[in-house]
Amino acid sequence: MDEENVFEDKNKYLFLASMKELFDSFKDKKAVSIDVKAKDSSCMGCQFGKYIKLFIVRGFRRMLFTYQFAYRIEVKKGVLLDIYRCNYFSTDGQLRIGE
């Protein structure tokens, strides 16, 4: 990420802070173990068919939960152009609307 990059209408540091806040929110659920997996998927909404990175977060033991969210990462000729949340995606053949 370059210093002047803007993602989701936020400068680089505000964007990274918002991602940290999202991941930290899972720690607040007091699960003993949290597993985060990323997989390739596709947007089913406004960027239909475009590549997205889907994150699946699972909490285990004291608190059981599964949460999914996705980001559309736009890269052109190896240069990062934009990153933004995808709220309508496909996973394992089922459509999901992100929170």
PDB file of N, CA and C in Angstrom:
ATOM      1  N   MET A   1       0.842  -1.182   0.000  1.00  0.00           N
ATOM      2  CA  MET A   1       0.000   0.000   0.000  1.00  0.00           C
ATOM      3  C   MET A   1       0.887   1.245   0.000  1.00  0.00           C
ATOM      4  N   ASP A   2       0.571   2.141  -0.875  1.00  0.00           N
ATOM      5  CA  ASP A   2       1.286   3.405  -0.906  1.00  0.00           C
ATOM      6  C   ASP A   2       0.647   4.389   0.067  1.00  0.00           C
ATOM      7  N   GLU A   3       1.405   5.380   0.464  1.00  0.00           N
ATOM      8  CA  GLU A   3       0.923   6.374   1.429  1.00  0.00           C
ATOM      9  C   GLU A   3      -0.350   7.076   0.961  1.00  0.00           C
ATOM     10  N   GLU A   4      -0.447   7.352  -0.325  1.00  0.00           N
ATOM     11  CA  GLU A   4      -1.587   8.133  -0.825  1.00  0.00           C
ATOM     12  C   GLU A   4      -2.823   7.285  -1.155  1.00  0.00           C
ATOM     13  N   ASN A   5      -2.736   5.973  -0.976  1.00  0.00           N
ATOM     14  CA  ASN A   5      -3.878   5.110  -1.287  1.00  0.00           C
ATOM     15  C   ASN A   5      -5.091   5.442  -0.424  1.00  0.00           C
ATOM     16  N   VAL A   6      -6.268   5.336  -1.051  1.00  0.00           N
ATOM     17  CA  VAL A   6      -7.542   5.545  -0.361  1.00  0.00           C
ATOM     18  C   VAL A   6      -8.397   4.317  -0.640  1.00  0.00           C
ATOM     19  N   PHE A   7      -8.892   3.679   0.434  1.00  0.00           N
ATOM     20  CA  PHE A   7      -9.737   2.498   0.317  1.00  0.00           C
ATOM     21  C   PHE A   7     -10.999   2.744   1.118  1.00  0.00           C
ATOM     22  N   GLU A   8     -12.144   2.461   0.535  1.00  0.00           N
ATOM     23  CA  GLU A   8     -13.439   2.707   1.187  1.00  0.00           C
ATOM     24  C   GLU A   8     -13.533   4.158   1.672  1.00  0.00           C
ATOM     25  N   ASP A   9     -13.032   5.068   0.871  1.00  0.00           N
ATOM     26  CA  ASP A   9     -13.028   6.505   1.193  1.00  0.00           C
ATOM     27  C   ASP A   9     -12.265   6.823   2.473  1.00  0.00           C
ATOM     28  N   LYS A  10     -11.291   5.982   2.824  1.00  0.00           N
ATOM     29  CA  LYS A  10     -10.464   6.199   4.016  1.00  0.00           C
ATOM     30  C   LYS A  10      -9.001   6.176   3.595  1.00  0.00           C
ATOM     31  N   ASN A  11      -8.180   7.006   4.245  1.00  0.00           N
ATOM     32  CA  ASN A  11      -6.757   6.920   3.938  1.00  0.00           C
ATOM     33  C   ASN A  11      -6.236   5.575   4.427  1.00  0.00           C
ATOM     34  N   LYS A  12      -5.029   5.263   4.034  1.00  0.00           N
ATOM     35  CA  LYS A  12      -4.448   3.954   4.325  1.00  0.00           C
ATOM     36  C   LYS A  12      -4.538   3.597   5.816  1.00  0.00           C
ATOM     37  N   TYR A  13      -4.218   4.537   6.678  1.00  0.00           N
ATOM     38  CA  TYR A  13      -4.166   4.238   8.108  1.00  0.00           C
ATOM     39  C   TYR A  13      -5.553   4.058   8.712  1.00  0.00           C
ATOM     40  N   LEU A  14      -6.529   4.839   8.286  1.00  0.00           N
ATOM     41  CA  LEU A  14      -7.900   4.661   8.771  1.00  0.00           C
ATOM     42  C   LEU A  14      -8.475   3.341   8.276  1.00  0.00           C
ATOM     43  N   PHE A  15      -8.164   2.981   7.024  1.00  0.00           N
ATOM     44  CA  PHE A  15      -8.630   1.711   6.474  1.00  0.00           C
ATOM     45  C   PHE A  15      -8.050   0.539   7.265  1.00  0.00           C
ATOM     46  N   LEU A  16      -6.737   0.560   7.518  1.00  0.00           N
ATOM     47  CA  LEU A  16      -6.108  -0.518   8.279  1.00  0.00           C
ATOM     48  C   LEU A  16      -6.649  -0.574   9.704  1.00  0.00           C
ATOM     49  N   ALA A  17      -6.921   0.585  10.295  1.00  0.00           N
ATOM     50  CA  ALA A  17      -7.497   0.618  11.641  1.00  0.00           C
ATOM     51  C   ALA A  17      -8.892   0.000  11.645  1.00  0.00           C
ATOM     52  N   SER A  18      -9.681   0.236  10.579  1.00  0.00           N
ATOM     53  CA  SER A  18     -11.024  -0.350  10.516  1.00  0.00           C
ATOM     54  C   SER A  18     -10.945  -1.872  10.373  1.00  0.00           C
ATOM     55  N   MET A  19      -9.955  -2.368   9.624  1.00  0.00           N
ATOM     56  CA  MET A  19      -9.775  -3.820   9.516  1.00  0.00           C
ATOM     57  C   MET A  19      -9.351  -4.402  10.861  1.00  0.00           C
ATOM     58  N   LYS A  20      -8.447  -3.727  11.565  1.00  0.00           N
ATOM     59  CA  LYS A  20      -8.012  -4.193  12.882  1.00  0.00           C
ATOM     60  C   LYS A  20      -9.200  -4.231  13.846  1.00  0.00           C
ATOM     61  N   GLU A  21     -10.042  -3.210  13.786  1.00  0.00           N
ATOM     62  CA  GLU A  21     -11.226  -3.171  14.650  1.00  0.00           C
ATOM     63  C   GLU A  21     -12.146  -4.356  14.368  1.00  0.00           C
ATOM     64  N   LEU A  22     -12.324  -4.686  13.089  1.00  0.00           N
ATOM     65  CA  LEU A  22     -13.156  -5.832  12.717  1.00  0.00           C
ATOM     66  C   LEU A  22     -12.576  -7.127  13.299  1.00  0.00           C
ATOM     67  N   PHE A  23     -11.279  -7.367  13.108  1.00  0.00           N
ATOM     68  CA  PHE A  23     -10.671  -8.589  13.622  1.00  0.00           C
ATOM     69  C   PHE A  23     -10.653  -8.596  15.150  1.00  0.00           C
ATOM     70  N   ASP A  24     -10.425  -7.445  15.773  1.00  0.00           N
ATOM     71  CA  ASP A  24     -10.438  -7.376  17.239  1.00  0.00           C
ATOM     72  C   ASP A  24     -11.822  -7.682  17.808  1.00  0.00           C
ATOM     73  N   SER A  25     -12.875  -7.388  17.053  1.00  0.00           N
ATOM     74  CA  SER A  25     -14.237  -7.651  17.543  1.00  0.00           C
ATOM     75  C   SER A  25     -14.449  -9.147  17.802  1.00  0.00           C
ATOM     76  N   PHE A  26     -13.725 -10.001  17.092  1.00  0.00           N
ATOM     77  CA  PHE A  26     -13.852 -11.437  17.317  1.00  0.00           C
ATOM     78  C   PHE A  26     -13.217 -11.845  18.641  1.00  0.00           C
ATOM     79  N   LYS A  27     -12.157 -11.154  19.028  1.00  0.00           N
ATOM     80  CA  LYS A  27     -11.510 -11.436  20.317  1.00  0.00           C
ATOM     81  C   LYS A  27     -12.468 -11.131  21.468  1.00  0.00           C
ATOM     82  N   ASP A  28     -13.321 -10.133  21.285  1.00  0.00           N
ATOM     83  CA  ASP A  28     -14.281  -9.744  22.319  1.00  0.00           C
ATOM     84  C   ASP A  28     -15.328 -10.820  22.586  1.00  0.00           C
ATOM     85  N   LYS A  29     -15.471 -11.782  21.675  1.00  0.00           N
ATOM     86  CA  LYS A  29     -16.476 -12.824  21.845  1.00  0.00           C
ATOM     87  C   LYS A  29     -16.032 -13.894  22.851  1.00  0.00           C
ATOM     88  N   LYS A  30     -14.809 -13.798  23.315  1.00  0.00           N
ATOM     89  CA  LYS A  30     -14.272 -14.662  24.368  1.00  0.00           C
ATOM     90  C   LYS A  30     -14.217 -16.146  23.991  1.00  0.00           C
ATOM     91  N   ALA A  31     -14.044 -16.428  22.724  1.00  0.00           N
ATOM     92  CA  ALA A  31     -13.821 -17.807  22.309  1.00  0.00           C
ATOM     93  C   ALA A  31     -12.403 -18.196  22.723  1.00  0.00           C
ATOM     94  N   VAL A  32     -12.197 -19.432  23.093  1.00  0.00           N
ATOM     95  CA  VAL A  32     -10.873 -19.892  23.498  1.00  0.00           C
ATOM     96  C   VAL A  32      -9.943 -19.946  22.289  1.00  0.00           C
ATOM     97  N   SER A  33     -10.488 -20.348  21.159  1.00  0.00           N
ATOM     98  CA  SER A  33      -9.699 -20.475  19.939  1.00  0.00           C
ATOM     99  C   SER A  33     -10.447 -19.828  18.786  1.00  0.00           C
ATOM    100  N   ILE A  34      -9.746 -19.025  17.997  1.00  0.00           N
ATOM    101  CA  ILE A  34     -10.351 -18.390  16.824  1.00  0.00           C
ATOM    102  C   ILE A  34      -9.531 -18.787  15.607  1.00  0.00           C
ATOM    103  N   ASP A  35     -10.211 -19.281  14.577  1.00  0.00           N
ATOM    104  CA  ASP A  35      -9.576 -19.726  13.347  1.00  0.00           C
ATOM    105  C   ASP A  35     -10.053 -18.831  12.205  1.00  0.00           C
ATOM    106  N   VAL A  36      -9.118 -18.259  11.457  1.00  0.00           N
ATOM    107  CA  VAL A  36      -9.458 -17.398  10.316  1.00  0.00           C
ATOM    108  C   VAL A  36      -8.909 -18.051   9.067  1.00  0.00           C
ATOM    109  N   LYS A  37      -9.781 -18.251   8.089  1.00  0.00           N
ATOM    110  CA  LYS A  37      -9.371 -18.804   6.799  1.00  0.00           C
ATOM    111  C   LYS A  37      -9.788 -17.826   5.710  1.00  0.00           C
ATOM    112  N   ALA A  38      -8.978 -17.736   4.679  1.00  0.00           N
ATOM    113  CA  ALA A  38      -9.302 -16.896   3.527  1.00  0.00           C
ATOM    114  C   ALA A  38      -9.410 -17.794   2.302  1.00  0.00           C
ATOM    115  N   LYS A  39     -10.399 -17.505   1.470  1.00  0.00           N
ATOM    116  CA  LYS A  39     -10.521 -18.280   0.238  1.00  0.00           C
ATOM    117  C   LYS A  39     -11.028 -17.377  -0.872  1.00  0.00           C
ATOM    118  N   ASP A  40     -10.789 -17.796  -2.093  1.00  0.00           N
ATOM    119  CA  ASP A  40     -11.245 -17.040  -3.249  1.00  0.00           C
ATOM    120  C   ASP A  40     -12.722 -17.310  -3.476  1.00  0.00           C
ATOM    121  N   SER A  41     -13.433 -16.276  -3.855  1.00  0.00           N
ATOM    122  CA  SER A  41     -14.854 -16.403  -4.151  1.00  0.00           C
ATOM    123  C   SER A  41     -15.200 -15.352  -5.195  1.00  0.00           C
ATOM    124  N   SER A  42     -16.488 -15.121  -5.401  1.00  0.00           N
ATOM    125  CA  SER A  42     -16.896 -14.112  -6.382  1.00  0.00           C
ATOM    126  C   SER A  42     -18.073 -13.314  -5.861  1.00  0.00           C
ATOM    127  N   CYS A  43     -18.115 -12.058  -6.287  1.00  0.00           N
ATOM    128  CA  CYS A  43     -19.190 -11.148  -5.912  1.00  0.00           C
ATOM    129  C   CYS A  43     -20.464 -11.540  -6.660  1.00  0.00           C
ATOM    130  N   MET A  44     -21.578 -11.472  -5.963  1.00  0.00           N
ATOM    131  CA  MET A  44     -22.862 -11.791  -6.589  1.00  0.00           C
ATOM    132  C   MET A  44     -23.752 -10.545  -6.688  1.00  0.00           C
ATOM    133  N   GLY A  45     -23.184  -9.377  -6.375  1.00  0.00           N
ATOM    134  CA  GLY A  45     -23.958  -8.135  -6.372  1.00  0.00           C
ATOM    135  C   GLY A  45     -23.444  -7.143  -7.384  1.00  0.00           C
ATOM    136  N   CYS A  46     -23.082  -5.959  -6.896  1.00  0.00           N
ATOM    137  CA  CYS A  46     -22.754  -4.831  -7.780  1.00  0.00           C
ATOM    138  C   CYS A  46     -21.506  -5.066  -8.629  1.00  0.00           C
ATOM    139  N   GLN A  47     -20.619  -5.940  -8.219  1.00  0.00           N
ATOM    140  CA  GLN A  47     -19.428  -6.281  -9.003  1.00  0.00           C
ATOM    141  C   GLN A  47     -19.520  -7.731  -9.467  1.00  0.00           C
ATOM    142  N   PHE A  48     -20.696  -8.122  -9.931  1.00  0.00           N
ATOM    143  CA  PHE A  48     -21.040  -9.504 -10.242  1.00  0.00           C
ATOM    144  C   PHE A  48     -19.909 -10.233 -10.965  1.00  0.00           C
ATOM    145  N   GLY A  49     -19.538 -11.366 -10.367  1.00  0.00           N
ATOM    146  CA  GLY A  49     -18.542 -12.239 -10.981  1.00  0.00           C
ATOM    147  C   GLY A  49     -17.104 -11.840 -10.721  1.00  0.00           C
ATOM    148  N   LYS A  50     -16.870 -10.682 -10.146  1.00  0.00           N
ATOM    149  CA  LYS A  50     -15.504 -10.230  -9.888  1.00  0.00           C
ATOM    150  C   LYS A  50     -14.914 -11.002  -8.703  1.00  0.00           C
ATOM    151  N   TYR A  51     -13.612 -11.139  -8.739  1.00  0.00           N
ATOM    152  CA  TYR A  51     -12.866 -11.849  -7.697  1.00  0.00           C
ATOM    153  C   TYR A  51     -12.974 -11.119  -6.363  1.00  0.00           C
ATOM    154  N   ILE A  52     -13.213 -11.878  -5.302  1.00  0.00           N
ATOM    155  CA  ILE A  52     -13.171 -11.348  -3.937  1.00  0.00           C
ATOM    156  C   ILE A  52     -12.394 -12.313  -3.064  1.00  0.00           C
ATOM    157  N   LYS A  53     -11.919 -11.819  -1.962  1.00  0.00           N
ATOM    158  CA  LYS A  53     -11.280 -12.658  -0.953  1.00  0.00           C
ATOM    159  C   LYS A  53     -12.272 -12.783   0.194  1.00  0.00           C
ATOM    160  N   LEU A  54     -12.717 -14.006   0.455  1.00  0.00           N
ATOM    161  CA  LEU A  54     -13.703 -14.305   1.486  1.00  0.00           C
ATOM    162  C   LEU A  54     -12.981 -14.763   2.742  1.00  0.00           C
ATOM    163  N   PHE A  55     -13.323 -14.151   3.879  1.00  0.00           N
ATOM    164  CA  PHE A  55     -12.734 -14.517   5.167  1.00  0.00           C
ATOM    165  C   PHE A  55     -13.788 -15.232   6.000  1.00  0.00           C
ATOM    166  N   ILE A  56     -13.423 -16.391   6.515  1.00  0.00           N
ATOM    167  CA  ILE A  56     -14.313 -17.182   7.364  1.00  0.00           C
ATOM    168  C   ILE A  56     -13.664 -17.252   8.740  1.00  0.00           C
ATOM    169  N   VAL A  57     -14.382 -16.745   9.736  1.00  0.00           N
ATOM    170  CA  VAL A  57     -13.863 -16.686  11.102  1.00  0.00           C
ATOM    171  C   VAL A  57     -14.717 -17.607  11.956  1.00  0.00           C
ATOM    172  N   ARG A  58     -14.049 -18.532  12.646  1.00  0.00           N
ATOM    173  CA  ARG A  58     -14.769 -19.449  13.525  1.00  0.00           C
ATOM    174  C   ARG A  58     -14.192 -19.371  14.929  1.00  0.00           C
ATOM    175  N   GLY A  59     -15.087 -19.329  15.900  1.00  0.00           N
ATOM    176  CA  GLY A  59     -14.694 -19.344  17.299  1.00  0.00           C
ATOM    177  C   GLY A  59     -15.081 -20.685  17.902  1.00  0.00           C
ATOM    178  N   PHE A  60     -14.223 -21.220  18.756  1.00  0.00           N
ATOM    179  CA  PHE A  60     -14.437 -22.544  19.326  1.00  0.00           C
ATOM    180  C   PHE A  60     -14.359 -22.529  20.850  1.00  0.00           C
ATOM    181  N   ARG A  61     -14.858 -23.542  21.417  1.00  0.00           N
ATOM    182  CA  ARG A  61     -14.879 -23.898  22.836  1.00  0.00           C
ATOM    183  C   ARG A  61     -15.908 -23.083  23.601  1.00  0.00           C
ATOM    184  N   ARG A  62     -15.500 -22.158  24.478  1.00  0.00           N
ATOM    185  CA  ARG A  62     -16.494 -21.458  25.308  1.00  0.00           C
ATOM    186  C   ARG A  62     -17.575 -20.780  24.489  1.00  0.00           C
ATOM    187  N   MET A  63     -17.203 -20.223  23.351  1.00  0.00           N
ATOM    188  CA  MET A  63     -18.155 -19.508  22.494  1.00  0.00           C
ATOM    189  C   MET A  63     -18.009 -20.072  21.091  1.00  0.00           C
ATOM    190  N   LEU A  64     -19.083 -20.573  20.521  1.00  0.00           N
ATOM    191  CA  LEU A  64     -19.055 -21.095  19.156  1.00  0.00           C
ATOM    192  C   LEU A  64     -19.710 -20.088  18.234  1.00  0.00           C
ATOM    193  N   PHE A  65     -19.016 -19.721  17.165  1.00  0.00           N
ATOM    194  CA  PHE A  65     -19.613 -18.807  16.190  1.00  0.00           C
ATOM    195  C   PHE A  65     -18.902 -18.953  14.856  1.00  0.00           C
ATOM    196  N   THR A  66     -19.579 -18.559  13.802  1.00  0.00           N
ATOM    197  CA  THR A  66     -18.998 -18.473  12.465  1.00  0.00           C
ATOM    198  C   THR A  66     -19.432 -17.148  11.870  1.00  0.00           C
ATOM    199  N   TYR A  67     -18.487 -16.418  11.337  1.00  0.00           N
ATOM    200  CA  TYR A  67     -18.768 -15.125  10.734  1.00  0.00           C
ATOM    201  C   TYR A  67     -18.024 -15.069   9.412  1.00  0.00           C
ATOM    202  N   GLN A  68     -18.649 -14.502   8.391  1.00  0.00           N
ATOM    203  CA  GLN A  68     -18.018 -14.396   7.079  1.00  0.00           C
ATOM    204  C   GLN A  68     -18.095 -12.963   6.587  1.00  0.00           C
ATOM    205  N   PHE A  69     -17.010 -12.518   5.970  1.00  0.00           N
ATOM    206  CA  PHE A  69     -17.012 -11.217   5.319  1.00  0.00           C
ATOM    207  C   PHE A  69     -16.039 -11.281   4.148  1.00  0.00           C
ATOM    208  N   ALA A  70     -16.164 -10.355   3.221  1.00  0.00           N
ATOM    209  CA  ALA A  70     -15.347 -10.409   2.009  1.00  0.00           C
ATOM    210  C   ALA A  70     -14.882  -9.014   1.610  1.00  0.00           C
ATOM    211  N   TYR A  71     -13.761  -9.009   0.890  1.00  0.00           N
ATOM    212  CA  TYR A  71     -13.217  -7.782   0.322  1.00  0.00           C
ATOM    213  C   TYR A  71     -12.964  -7.990  -1.161  1.00  0.00           C
ATOM    214  N   ARG A  72     -13.307  -7.006  -1.939  1.00  0.00           N
ATOM    215  CA  ARG A  72     -12.956  -6.972  -3.364  1.00  0.00           C
ATOM    216  C   ARG A  72     -11.617  -6.271  -3.436  1.00  0.00           C
ATOM    217  N   ILE A  73     -10.619  -6.941  -3.966  1.00  0.00           N
ATOM    218  CA  ILE A  73      -9.270  -6.387  -4.070  1.00  0.00           C
ATOM    219  C   ILE A  73      -8.982  -6.187  -5.550  1.00  0.00           C
ATOM    220  N   GLU A  74      -8.926  -4.936  -5.944  1.00  0.00           N
ATOM    221  CA  GLU A  74      -8.746  -4.604  -7.360  1.00  0.00           C
ATOM    222  C   GLU A  74      -7.273  -4.331  -7.642  1.00  0.00           C
ATOM    223  N   VAL A  75      -6.685  -5.176  -8.494  1.00  0.00           N
ATOM    224  CA  VAL A  75      -5.278  -5.068  -8.864  1.00  0.00           C
ATOM    225  C   VAL A  75      -5.199  -5.018 -10.379  1.00  0.00           C
ATOM    226  N   LYS A  76      -4.383  -4.116 -10.897  1.00  0.00           N
ATOM    227  CA  LYS A  76      -4.195  -4.023 -12.351  1.00  0.00           C
ATOM    228  C   LYS A  76      -2.698  -3.966 -12.637  1.00  0.00           C
ATOM    229  N   LYS A  77      -2.226  -4.926 -13.412  1.00  0.00           N
ATOM    230  CA  LYS A  77      -0.810  -5.032 -13.766  1.00  0.00           C
ATOM    231  C   LYS A  77       0.076  -5.017 -12.518  1.00  0.00           C
ATOM    232  N   GLY A  78      -0.360  -5.739 -11.491  1.00  0.00           N
ATOM    233  CA  GLY A  78       0.419  -5.865 -10.282  1.00  0.00           C
ATOM    234  C   GLY A  78       0.355  -4.670  -9.343  1.00  0.00           C
ATOM    235  N   VAL A  79      -0.472  -3.674  -9.670  1.00  0.00           N
ATOM    236  CA  VAL A  79      -0.594  -2.478  -8.838  1.00  0.00           C
ATOM    237  C   VAL A  79      -1.943  -2.503  -8.126  1.00  0.00           C
ATOM    238  N   LEU A  80      -1.914  -2.364  -6.805  1.00  0.00           N
ATOM    239  CA  LEU A  80      -3.134  -2.328  -6.007  1.00  0.00           C
ATOM    240  C   LEU A  80      -3.878  -1.027  -6.285  1.00  0.00           C
ATOM    241  N   LEU A  81      -5.125  -1.135  -6.779  1.00  0.00           N
ATOM    242  CA  LEU A  81      -5.909   0.052  -7.096  1.00  0.00           C
ATOM    243  C   LEU A  81      -6.933   0.386  -6.019  1.00  0.00           C
ATOM    244  N   ASP A  82      -7.611  -0.636  -5.496  1.00  0.00           N
ATOM    245  CA  ASP A  82      -8.658  -0.367  -4.512  1.00  0.00           C
ATOM    246  C   ASP A  82      -8.985  -1.628  -3.725  1.00  0.00           C
ATOM    247  N   ILE A  83      -9.489  -1.425  -2.525  1.00  0.00           N
ATOM    248  CA  ILE A  83      -9.988  -2.504  -1.676  1.00  0.00           C
ATOM    249  C   ILE A  83     -11.286  -2.017  -1.068  1.00  0.00           C
ATOM    250  N   TYR A  84     -12.332  -2.820  -1.151  1.00  0.00           N
ATOM    251  CA  TYR A  84     -13.583  -2.433  -0.514  1.00  0.00           C
ATOM    252  C   TYR A  84     -14.381  -3.667  -0.155  1.00  0.00           C
ATOM    253  N   ARG A  85     -15.271  -3.504   0.819  1.00  0.00           N
ATOM    254  CA  ARG A  85     -16.072  -4.626   1.309  1.00  0.00           C
ATOM    255  C   ARG A  85     -17.042  -5.089   0.242  1.00  0.00           C
ATOM    256  N   CYS A  86     -17.229  -6.392   0.194  1.00  0.00           N
ATOM    257  CA  CYS A  86     -18.260  -6.998  -0.639  1.00  0.00           C
ATOM    258  C   CYS A  86     -19.315  -7.537   0.320  1.00  0.00           C
ATOM    259  N   ASN A  87     -20.539  -7.137   0.136  1.00  0.00           N
ATOM    260  CA  ASN A  87     -21.599  -7.533   1.055  1.00  0.00           C
ATOM    261  C   ASN A  87     -22.557  -8.576   0.483  1.00  0.00           C
ATOM    262  N   TYR A  88     -22.254  -9.073  -0.707  1.00  0.00           N
ATOM    263  CA  TYR A  88     -23.136 -10.061  -1.320  1.00  0.00           C
ATOM    264  C   TYR A  88     -22.260 -11.036  -2.089  1.00  0.00           C
ATOM    265  N   PHE A  89     -22.014 -12.200  -1.494  1.00  0.00           N
ATOM    266  CA  PHE A  89     -21.047 -13.109  -2.080  1.00  0.00           C
ATOM    267  C   PHE A  89     -21.538 -14.541  -2.042  1.00  0.00           C
ATOM    268  N   SER A  90     -20.826 -15.390  -2.777  1.00  0.00           N
ATOM    269  CA  SER A  90     -21.160 -16.807  -2.860  1.00  0.00           C
ATOM    270  C   SER A  90     -20.127 -17.611  -2.084  1.00  0.00           C
ATOM    271  N   THR A  91     -20.602 -18.569  -1.313  1.00  0.00           N
ATOM    272  CA  THR A  91     -19.704 -19.471  -0.605  1.00  0.00           C
ATOM    273  C   THR A  91     -20.310 -20.869  -0.600  1.00  0.00           C
ATOM    274  N   ASP A  92     -19.545 -21.831  -1.053  1.00  0.00           N
ATOM    275  CA  ASP A  92     -19.998 -23.229  -1.082  1.00  0.00           C
ATOM    276  C   ASP A  92     -21.369 -23.386  -1.754  1.00  0.00           C
ATOM    277  N   GLY A  93     -21.570 -22.631  -2.828  1.00  0.00           N
ATOM    278  CA  GLY A  93     -22.819 -22.766  -3.582  1.00  0.00           C
ATOM    279  C   GLY A  93     -24.000 -22.027  -2.999  1.00  0.00           C
ATOM    280  N   GLN A  94     -23.821 -21.358  -1.858  1.00  0.00           N
ATOM    281  CA  GLN A  94     -24.919 -20.611  -1.236  1.00  0.00           C
ATOM    282  C   GLN A  94     -24.600 -19.129  -1.260  1.00  0.00           C
ATOM    283  N   LEU A  95     -25.630 -18.317  -1.447  1.00  0.00           N
ATOM    284  CA  LEU A  95     -25.442 -16.874  -1.412  1.00  0.00           C
ATOM    285  C   LEU A  95     -25.462 -16.410   0.030  1.00  0.00           C
ATOM    286  N   ARG A  96     -24.605 -15.471   0.338  1.00  0.00           N
ATOM    287  CA  ARG A  96     -24.529 -14.898   1.685  1.00  0.00           C
ATOM    288  C   ARG A  96     -24.565 -13.383   1.568  1.00  0.00           C
ATOM    289  N   ILE A  97     -25.260 -12.777   2.473  1.00  0.00           N
ATOM    290  CA  ILE A  97     -25.231 -11.328   2.573  1.00  0.00           C
ATOM    291  C   ILE A  97     -24.417 -11.003   3.802  1.00  0.00           C
ATOM    292  N   GLY A  98     -23.293 -10.297   3.606  1.00  0.00           N
ATOM    293  CA  GLY A  98     -22.404  -9.951   4.708  1.00  0.00           C
ATOM    294  C   GLY A  98     -23.066  -8.957   5.654  1.00  0.00           C
ATOM    295  N   GLU A  99     -22.555  -8.954   6.874  1.00  0.00           N
ATOM    296  CA  GLU A  99     -23.091  -8.039   7.891  1.00  0.00           C
ATOM    297  C   GLU A  99     -22.345  -6.732   7.864  1.00  0.00           C
TER     298      GLU A  99
END
